[in-house]
Amino acid sequence: DQEITDFYNGNKEQFVNARGVQLADIVADAFDG
């Protein structure tokens, strides 16, 4: 647990929910797969 705490305290800038979107897709591609 201390490793987790130490990592968070040293990297707080990484823990931000950024403005953005989660996407899914369905693709039809003319390239012969």
All heavy atoms as atom14 arrays in JSON, in Angstrom:
{
  "sequence": "DQEITDFYNGNKEQFVNARGVQLADIVADAFDG",
  "atom14_mask": [
    [1, 1, 1, 1, 1, 1, 1, 1, 0, 0, 0, 0, 0, 0],
    [1, 1, 1, 1, 1, 1, 1, 1, 1, 0, 0, 0, 0, 0],
    [1, 1, 1, 1, 1, 1, 1, 1, 1, 0, 0, 0, 0, 0],
    [1, 1, 1, 1, 1, 1, 1, 1, 0, 0, 0, 0, 0, 0],
    [1, 1, 1, 1, 1, 1, 1, 0, 0, 0, 0, 0, 0, 0],
    [1, 1, 1, 1, 1, 1, 1, 1, 0, 0, 0, 0, 0, 0],
    [1, 1, 1, 1, 1, 1, 1, 1, 1, 1, 1, 0, 0, 0],
    [1, 1, 1, 1, 1, 1, 1, 1, 1, 1, 1, 1, 0, 0],
    [1, 1, 1, 1, 1, 1, 1, 1, 0, 0, 0, 0, 0, 0],
    [1, 1, 1, 1, 0, 0, 0, 0, 0, 0, 0, 0, 0, 0],
    [1, 1, 1, 1, 1, 1, 1, 1, 0, 0, 0, 0, 0, 0],
    [1, 1, 1, 1, 1, 1, 1, 1, 1, 0, 0, 0, 0, 0],
    [1, 1, 1, 1, 1, 1, 1, 1, 1, 0, 0, 0, 0, 0],
    [1, 1, 1, 1, 1, 1, 1, 1, 1, 0, 0, 0, 0, 0],
    [1, 1, 1, 1, 1, 1, 1, 1, 1, 1, 1, 0, 0, 0],
    [1, 1, 1, 1, 1, 1, 1, 0, 0, 0, 0, 0, 0, 0],
    [1, 1, 1, 1, 1, 1, 1, 1, 0, 0, 0, 0, 0, 0],
    [1, 1, 1, 1, 1, 0, 0, 0, 0, 0, 0, 0, 0, 0],
    [1, 1, 1, 1, 1, 1, 1, 1, 1, 1, 1, 0, 0, 0],
    [1, 1, 1, 1, 0, 0, 0, 0, 0, 0, 0, 0, 0, 0],
    [1, 1, 1, 1, 1, 1, 1, 0, 0, 0, 0, 0, 0, 0],
    [1, 1, 1, 1, 1, 1, 1, 1, 1, 0, 0, 0, 0, 0],
    [1, 1, 1, 1, 1, 1, 1, 1, 0, 0, 0, 0, 0, 0],
    [1, 1, 1, 1, 1, 0, 0, 0, 0, 0, 0, 0, 0, 0],
    [1, 1, 1, 1, 1, 1, 1, 1, 0, 0, 0, 0, 0, 0],
    [1, 1, 1, 1, 1, 1, 1, 1, 0, 0, 0, 0, 0, 0],
    [1, 1, 1, 1, 1, 1, 1, 0, 0, 0, 0, 0, 0, 0],
    [1, 1, 1, 1, 1, 0, 0, 0, 0, 0, 0, 0, 0, 0],
    [1, 1, 1, 1, 1, 1, 1, 1, 0, 0, 0, 0, 0, 0],
    [1, 1, 1, 1, 1, 0, 0, 0, 0, 0, 0, 0, 0, 0],
    [1, 1, 1, 1, 1, 1, 1, 1, 1, 1, 1, 0, 0, 0],
    [1, 1, 1, 1, 1, 1, 1, 1, 0, 0, 0, 0, 0, 0],
    [1, 1, 1, 1, 0, 0, 0, 0, 0, 0, 0, 0, 0, 0]
  ],
  "atom14_positions": [
    [[0.83, -1.21, 0.0], [0.0, 0.0, 0.0], [0.86, 1.25, 0.0], [0.5, 2.27, -0.62], [-0.93, 0.01, 1.22], [-2.05, -1.01, 1.11], [-2.32, -1.46, -0.03], [-2.66, -1.34, 2.15], [0.0, 0.0, 0.0], [0.0, 0.0, 0.0], [0.0, 0.0, 0.0], [0.0, 0.0, 0.0], [0.0, 0.0, 0.0], [0.0, 0.0, 0.0]],
    [[2.01, 1.2, 0.69], [2.86, 2.38, 0.74], [3.43, 2.72, -0.63], [3.62, 3.9, -0.96], [4.0, 2.14, 1.74], [4.85, 3.39, 2.01], [4.01, 4.52, 2.6], [3.22, 4.3, 3.52], [4.18, 5.73, 2.08], [0.0, 0.0, 0.0], [0.0, 0.0, 0.0], [0.0, 0.0, 0.0], [0.0, 0.0, 0.0], [0.0, 0.0, 0.0]],
    [[3.69, 1.7, -1.46], [4.16, 1.95, -2.82], [3.11, 2.73, -3.61], [3.43, 3.63, -4.39], [4.45, 0.63, -3.52], [5.65, -0.13, -3.01], [5.87, -1.41, -3.79], [6.43, -1.34, -4.91], [5.46, -2.49, -3.3], [0.0, 0.0, 0.0], [0.0, 0.0, 0.0], [0.0, 0.0, 0.0], [0.0, 0.0, 0.0], [0.0, 0.0, 0.0]],
    [[1.84, 2.36, -3.41], [0.75, 3.04, -4.11], [0.65, 4.49, -3.65], [0.52, 5.42, -4.47], [-0.57, 2.29, -3.87], [-0.51, 0.9, -4.49], [-1.76, 3.09, -4.42], [-1.7, 0.03, -4.19], [0.0, 0.0, 0.0], [0.0, 0.0, 0.0], [0.0, 0.0, 0.0], [0.0, 0.0, 0.0], [0.0, 0.0, 0.0], [0.0, 0.0, 0.0]],
    [[0.72, 4.71, -2.34], [0.64, 6.07, -1.8], [1.81, 6.92, -2.29], [1.63, 8.08, -2.7], [0.65, 6.03, -0.26], [-0.48, 5.27, 0.19], [0.59, 7.43, 0.31], [0.0, 0.0, 0.0], [0.0, 0.0, 0.0], [0.0, 0.0, 0.0], [0.0, 0.0, 0.0], [0.0, 0.0, 0.0], [0.0, 0.0, 0.0], [0.0, 0.0, 0.0]],
    [[2.99, 6.36, -2.27], [4.18, 7.11, -2.71], [4.07, 7.48, -4.19], [4.44, 8.6, -4.59], [5.44, 6.28, -2.47], [5.77, 6.13, -1.0], [5.21, 6.9, -0.19], [6.56, 5.23, -0.66], [0.0, 0.0, 0.0], [0.0, 0.0, 0.0], [0.0, 0.0, 0.0], [0.0, 0.0, 0.0], [0.0, 0.0, 0.0], [0.0, 0.0, 0.0]],
    [[3.58, 6.57, -4.99], [3.45, 6.86, -6.41], [2.45, 7.99, -6.64], [2.7, 8.91, -7.42], [3.02, 5.62, -7.19], [3.0, 5.82, -8.68], [4.12, 5.55, -9.45], [1.87, 6.32, -9.31], [4.12, 5.76, -10.82], [1.85, 6.54, -10.69], [2.98, 6.26, -11.44], [0.0, 0.0, 0.0], [0.0, 0.0, 0.0], [0.0, 0.0, 0.0]],
    [[1.32, 7.93, -5.94], [0.31, 8.98, -6.1], [0.87, 10.34, -5.7], [0.72, 11.33, -6.43], [-0.93, 8.67, -5.27], [-1.95, 9.79, -5.3], [-2.82, 9.95, -6.37], [-2.0, 10.72, -4.25], [-3.73, 10.99, -6.4], [-2.9, 11.77, -4.27], [-3.76, 11.9, -5.35], [-4.65, 12.96, -5.38], [0.0, 0.0, 0.0], [0.0, 0.0, 0.0]],
    [[1.52, 10.4, -4.54], [2.04, 11.68, -4.05], [3.09, 12.26, -4.99], [3.24, 13.49, -5.07], [2.64, 11.49, -2.66], [1.58, 11.26, -1.6], [0.43, 11.68, -1.76], [1.95, 10.6, -0.51], [0.0, 0.0, 0.0], [0.0, 0.0, 0.0], [0.0, 0.0, 0.0], [0.0, 0.0, 0.0], [0.0, 0.0, 0.0], [0.0, 0.0, 0.0]],
    [[3.81, 11.4, -5.7], [4.83, 11.89, -6.62], [4.34, 12.14, -8.03], [5.09, 12.66, -8.87], [0.0, 0.0, 0.0], [0.0, 0.0, 0.0], [0.0, 0.0, 0.0], [0.0, 0.0, 0.0], [0.0, 0.0, 0.0], [0.0, 0.0, 0.0], [0.0, 0.0, 0.0], [0.0, 0.0, 0.0], [0.0, 0.0, 0.0], [0.0, 0.0, 0.0]],
    [[3.07, 11.81, -8.29], [2.56, 11.93, -9.67], [1.11, 12.4, -9.71], [0.32, 11.94, -10.53], [2.68, 10.57, -10.38], [4.09, 10.06, -10.47], [4.84, 10.4, -11.38], [4.47, 9.21, -9.51], [0.0, 0.0, 0.0], [0.0, 0.0, 0.0], [0.0, 0.0, 0.0], [0.0, 0.0, 0.0], [0.0, 0.0, 0.0], [0.0, 0.0, 0.0]],
    [[0.75, 13.34, -8.83], [-0.64, 13.79, -8.74], [-1.15, 14.37, -10.06], [-2.34, 14.28, -10.36], [-0.78, 14.83, -7.63], [-0.65, 14.25, -6.23], [-0.88, 15.32, -5.17], [-0.77, 14.74, -3.76], [-0.99, 15.75, -2.71], [0.0, 0.0, 0.0], [0.0, 0.0, 0.0], [0.0, 0.0, 0.0], [0.0, 0.0, 0.0], [0.0, 0.0, 0.0]],
    [[-0.23, 14.96, -10.83], [-0.66, 15.58, -12.1], [-1.2, 14.56, -13.09], [-1.91, 14.91, -14.05], [0.5, 16.35, -12.73], [1.63, 15.52, -13.29], [2.58, 14.97, -12.24], [2.4, 15.28, -11.05], [3.5, 14.21, -12.62], [0.0, 0.0, 0.0], [0.0, 0.0, 0.0], [0.0, 0.0, 0.0], [0.0, 0.0, 0.0], [0.0, 0.0, 0.0]],
    [[-0.88, 13.29, -12.88], [-1.36, 12.24, -13.79], [-2.81, 11.85, -13.51], [-3.45, 11.24, -14.35], [-0.49, 10.99, -13.68], [0.95, 11.18, -14.12], [1.72, 9.89, -14.08], [1.15, 8.8, -14.08], [3.04, 9.98, -14.03], [0.0, 0.0, 0.0], [0.0, 0.0, 0.0], [0.0, 0.0, 0.0], [0.0, 0.0, 0.0], [0.0, 0.0, 0.0]],
    [[-3.3, 12.21, -12.34], [-4.61, 11.72, -11.93], [-5.67, 12.8, -12.08], [-6.12, 13.43, -11.13], [-4.53, 11.17, -10.5], [-3.58, 10.02, -10.4], [-2.26, 10.21, -10.01], [-3.98, 8.74, -10.78], [-1.37, 9.15, -9.97], [-3.1, 7.68, -10.74], [-1.8, 7.88, -10.33], [0.0, 0.0, 0.0], [0.0, 0.0, 0.0], [0.0, 0.0, 0.0]],
    [[-6.03, 12.99, -13.33], [-7.05, 13.96, -13.7], [-7.97, 13.31, -14.72], [-7.5, 12.73, -15.71], [-6.41, 15.22, -14.32], [-7.48, 16.21, -14.75], [-5.45, 15.88, -13.34], [0.0, 0.0, 0.0], [0.0, 0.0, 0.0], [0.0, 0.0, 0.0], [0.0, 0.0, 0.0], [0.0, 0.0, 0.0], [0.0, 0.0, 0.0], [0.0, 0.0, 0.0]],
    [[-9.27, 13.39, -14.46], [-10.24, 12.98, -15.48], [-10.35, 14.12, -16.47], [-10.92, 15.18, -16.17], [-11.6, 12.68, -14.85], [-11.71, 11.25, -14.39], [-10.89, 10.41, -14.75], [-12.71, 10.95, -13.58], [0.0, 0.0, 0.0], [0.0, 0.0, 0.0], [0.0, 0.0, 0.0], [0.0, 0.0, 0.0], [0.0, 0.0, 0.0], [0.0, 0.0, 0.0]],
    [[-9.77, 13.93, -17.64], [-9.73, 15.01, -18.62], [-11.07, 15.15, -19.33], [-11.88, 14.23, -19.38], [-8.63, 14.73, -19.64], [0.0, 0.0, 0.0], [0.0, 0.0, 0.0], [0.0, 0.0, 0.0], [0.0, 0.0, 0.0], [0.0, 0.0, 0.0], [0.0, 0.0, 0.0], [0.0, 0.0, 0.0], [0.0, 0.0, 0.0], [0.0, 0.0, 0.0]],
    [[-11.29, 16.32, -19.88], [-12.45, 16.55, -20.74], [-12.28, 15.69, -21.98], [-11.26, 15.78, -22.69], [-12.54, 18.02, -21.1], [-13.58, 18.36, -22.17], [-13.54, 19.85, -22.47], [-14.24, 20.18, -23.7], [-15.55, 20.43, -23.77], [-16.28, 20.41, -22.67], [-16.11, 20.72, -24.93], [0.0, 0.0, 0.0], [0.0, 0.0, 0.0], [0.0, 0.0, 0.0]],
    [[-13.23, 14.83, -22.24], [-13.11, 13.95, -23.4], [-14.3, 13.03, -23.53], [-15.29, 13.14, -22.81], [0.0, 0.0, 0.0], [0.0, 0.0, 0.0], [0.0, 0.0, 0.0], [0.0, 0.0, 0.0], [0.0, 0.0, 0.0], [0.0, 0.0, 0.0], [0.0, 0.0, 0.0], [0.0, 0.0, 0.0], [0.0, 0.0, 0.0], [0.0, 0.0, 0.0]],
    [[-14.19, 12.12, -24.49], [-15.3, 11.2, -24.78], [-14.78, 9.78, -24.91], [-13.63, 9.55, -25.31], [-16.04, 11.6, -26.07], [-16.81, 12.89, -25.89], [-15.07, 11.7, -27.25], [0.0, 0.0, 0.0], [0.0, 0.0, 0.0], [0.0, 0.0, 0.0], [0.0, 0.0, 0.0], [0.0, 0.0, 0.0], [0.0, 0.0, 0.0], [0.0, 0.0, 0.0]],
    [[-15.64, 8.84, -24.56], [-15.38, 7.42, -24.76], [-16.19, 6.97, -25.96], [-17.4, 7.23, -26.03], [-15.8, 6.62, -23.51], [-15.46, 5.14, -23.56], [-14.07, 4.85, -23.03], [-13.46, 5.7, -22.39], [-13.57, 3.65, -23.28], [0.0, 0.0, 0.0], [0.0, 0.0, 0.0], [0.0, 0.0, 0.0], [0.0, 0.0, 0.0], [0.0, 0.0, 0.0]],
    [[-15.54, 6.31, -26.91], [-16.2, 5.95, -28.16], [-16.12, 4.46, -28.44], [-15.2, 3.77, -27.97], [-15.56, 6.7, -29.34], [-15.6, 8.22, -29.31], [-14.79, 8.79, -30.47], [-17.04, 8.73, -29.36], [0.0, 0.0, 0.0], [0.0, 0.0, 0.0], [0.0, 0.0, 0.0], [0.0, 0.0, 0.0], [0.0, 0.0, 0.0], [0.0, 0.0, 0.0]],
    [[-17.07, 3.98, -29.22], [-17.01, 2.65, -29.81], [-17.28, 2.82, -31.3], [-17.83, 3.85, -31.72], [-18.05, 1.73, -29.18], [0.0, 0.0, 0.0], [0.0, 0.0, 0.0], [0.0, 0.0, 0.0], [0.0, 0.0, 0.0], [0.0, 0.0, 0.0], [0.0, 0.0, 0.0], [0.0, 0.0, 0.0], [0.0, 0.0, 0.0], [0.0, 0.0, 0.0]],
    [[-16.87, 1.83, -32.1], [-17.09, 1.97, -33.54], [-17.46, 0.64, -34.19], [-17.25, -0.43, -33.63], [-15.86, 2.56, -34.23], [-14.65, 1.64, -34.25], [-14.75, 0.48, -33.78], [-13.58, 2.07, -34.73], [0.0, 0.0, 0.0], [0.0, 0.0, 0.0], [0.0, 0.0, 0.0], [0.0, 0.0, 0.0], [0.0, 0.0, 0.0], [0.0, 0.0, 0.0]],
    [[-18.06, 0.76, -35.35], [-18.28, -0.37, -36.25], [-17.74, 0.06, -37.61], [-18.07, 1.13, -38.1], [-19.77, -0.75, -36.37], [-20.32, -1.2, -35.01], [-19.96, -1.86, -37.41], [-21.81, -1.47, -35.01], [0.0, 0.0, 0.0], [0.0, 0.0, 0.0], [0.0, 0.0, 0.0], [0.0, 0.0, 0.0], [0.0, 0.0, 0.0], [0.0, 0.0, 0.0]],
    [[-16.88, -0.77, -38.2], [-16.15, -0.39, -39.41], [-16.48, -1.33, -40.56], [-16.54, -2.55, -40.39], [-14.63, -0.42, -39.15], [-13.86, -0.05, -40.42], [-14.25, 0.51, -38.01], [0.0, 0.0, 0.0], [0.0, 0.0, 0.0], [0.0, 0.0, 0.0], [0.0, 0.0, 0.0], [0.0, 0.0, 0.0], [0.0, 0.0, 0.0], [0.0, 0.0, 0.0]],
    [[-16.68, -0.75, -41.73], [-16.76, -1.51, -42.99], [-15.64, -0.98, -43.87], [-15.58, 0.21, -44.16], [-18.11, -1.34, -43.66], [0.0, 0.0, 0.0], [0.0, 0.0, 0.0], [0.0, 0.0, 0.0], [0.0, 0.0, 0.0], [0.0, 0.0, 0.0], [0.0, 0.0, 0.0], [0.0, 0.0, 0.0], [0.0, 0.0, 0.0], [0.0, 0.0, 0.0]],
    [[-14.75, -1.88, -44.28], [-13.52, -1.47, -44.97], [-13.43, -2.2, -46.31], [-13.53, -3.42, -46.37], [-12.32, -1.83, -44.09], [-11.02, -1.22, -44.58], [-10.99, -0.76, -45.73], [-10.06, -1.21, -43.8], [0.0, 0.0, 0.0], [0.0, 0.0, 0.0], [0.0, 0.0, 0.0], [0.0, 0.0, 0.0], [0.0, 0.0, 0.0], [0.0, 0.0, 0.0]],
    [[-13.22, -1.43, -47.37], [-13.13, -2.03, -48.7], [-11.87, -2.87, -48.88], [-11.78, -3.68, -49.8], [-13.17, -0.94, -49.77], [0.0, 0.0, 0.0], [0.0, 0.0, 0.0], [0.0, 0.0, 0.0], [0.0, 0.0, 0.0], [0.0, 0.0, 0.0], [0.0, 0.0, 0.0], [0.0, 0.0, 0.0], [0.0, 0.0, 0.0], [0.0, 0.0, 0.0]],
    [[-10.89, -2.7, -48.0], [-9.66, -3.48, -48.08], [-9.96, -4.94, -47.78], [-10.64, -5.26, -46.8], [-8.64, -2.94, -47.09], [-7.37, -3.74, -47.03], [-6.41, -3.62, -48.03], [-7.13, -4.63, -45.99], [-5.23, -4.35, -47.99], [-5.95, -5.37, -45.94], [-5.01, -5.23, -46.94], [0.0, 0.0, 0.0], [0.0, 0.0, 0.0], [0.0, 0.0, 0.0]],
    [[-9.46, -5.84, -48.61], [-9.67, -7.28, -48.41], [-8.84, -7.75, -47.23], [-7.62, -7.77, -47.28], [-9.27, -8.04, -49.69], [-9.62, -9.53, -49.61], [-10.01, -9.99, -48.52], [-9.54, -10.2, -50.65], [0.0, 0.0, 0.0], [0.0, 0.0, 0.0], [0.0, 0.0, 0.0], [0.0, 0.0, 0.0], [0.0, 0.0, 0.0], [0.0, 0.0, 0.0]],
    [[-9.52, -8.13, -46.15], [-8.83, -8.57, -44.95], [-8.38, -10.0, -44.99], [-7.93, -10.53, -43.97], [0.0, 0.0, 0.0], [0.0, 0.0, 0.0], [0.0, 0.0, 0.0], [0.0, 0.0, 0.0], [0.0, 0.0, 0.0], [0.0, 0.0, 0.0], [0.0, 0.0, 0.0], [0.0, 0.0, 0.0], [0.0, 0.0, 0.0], [0.0, 0.0, 0.0]]
  ]
}
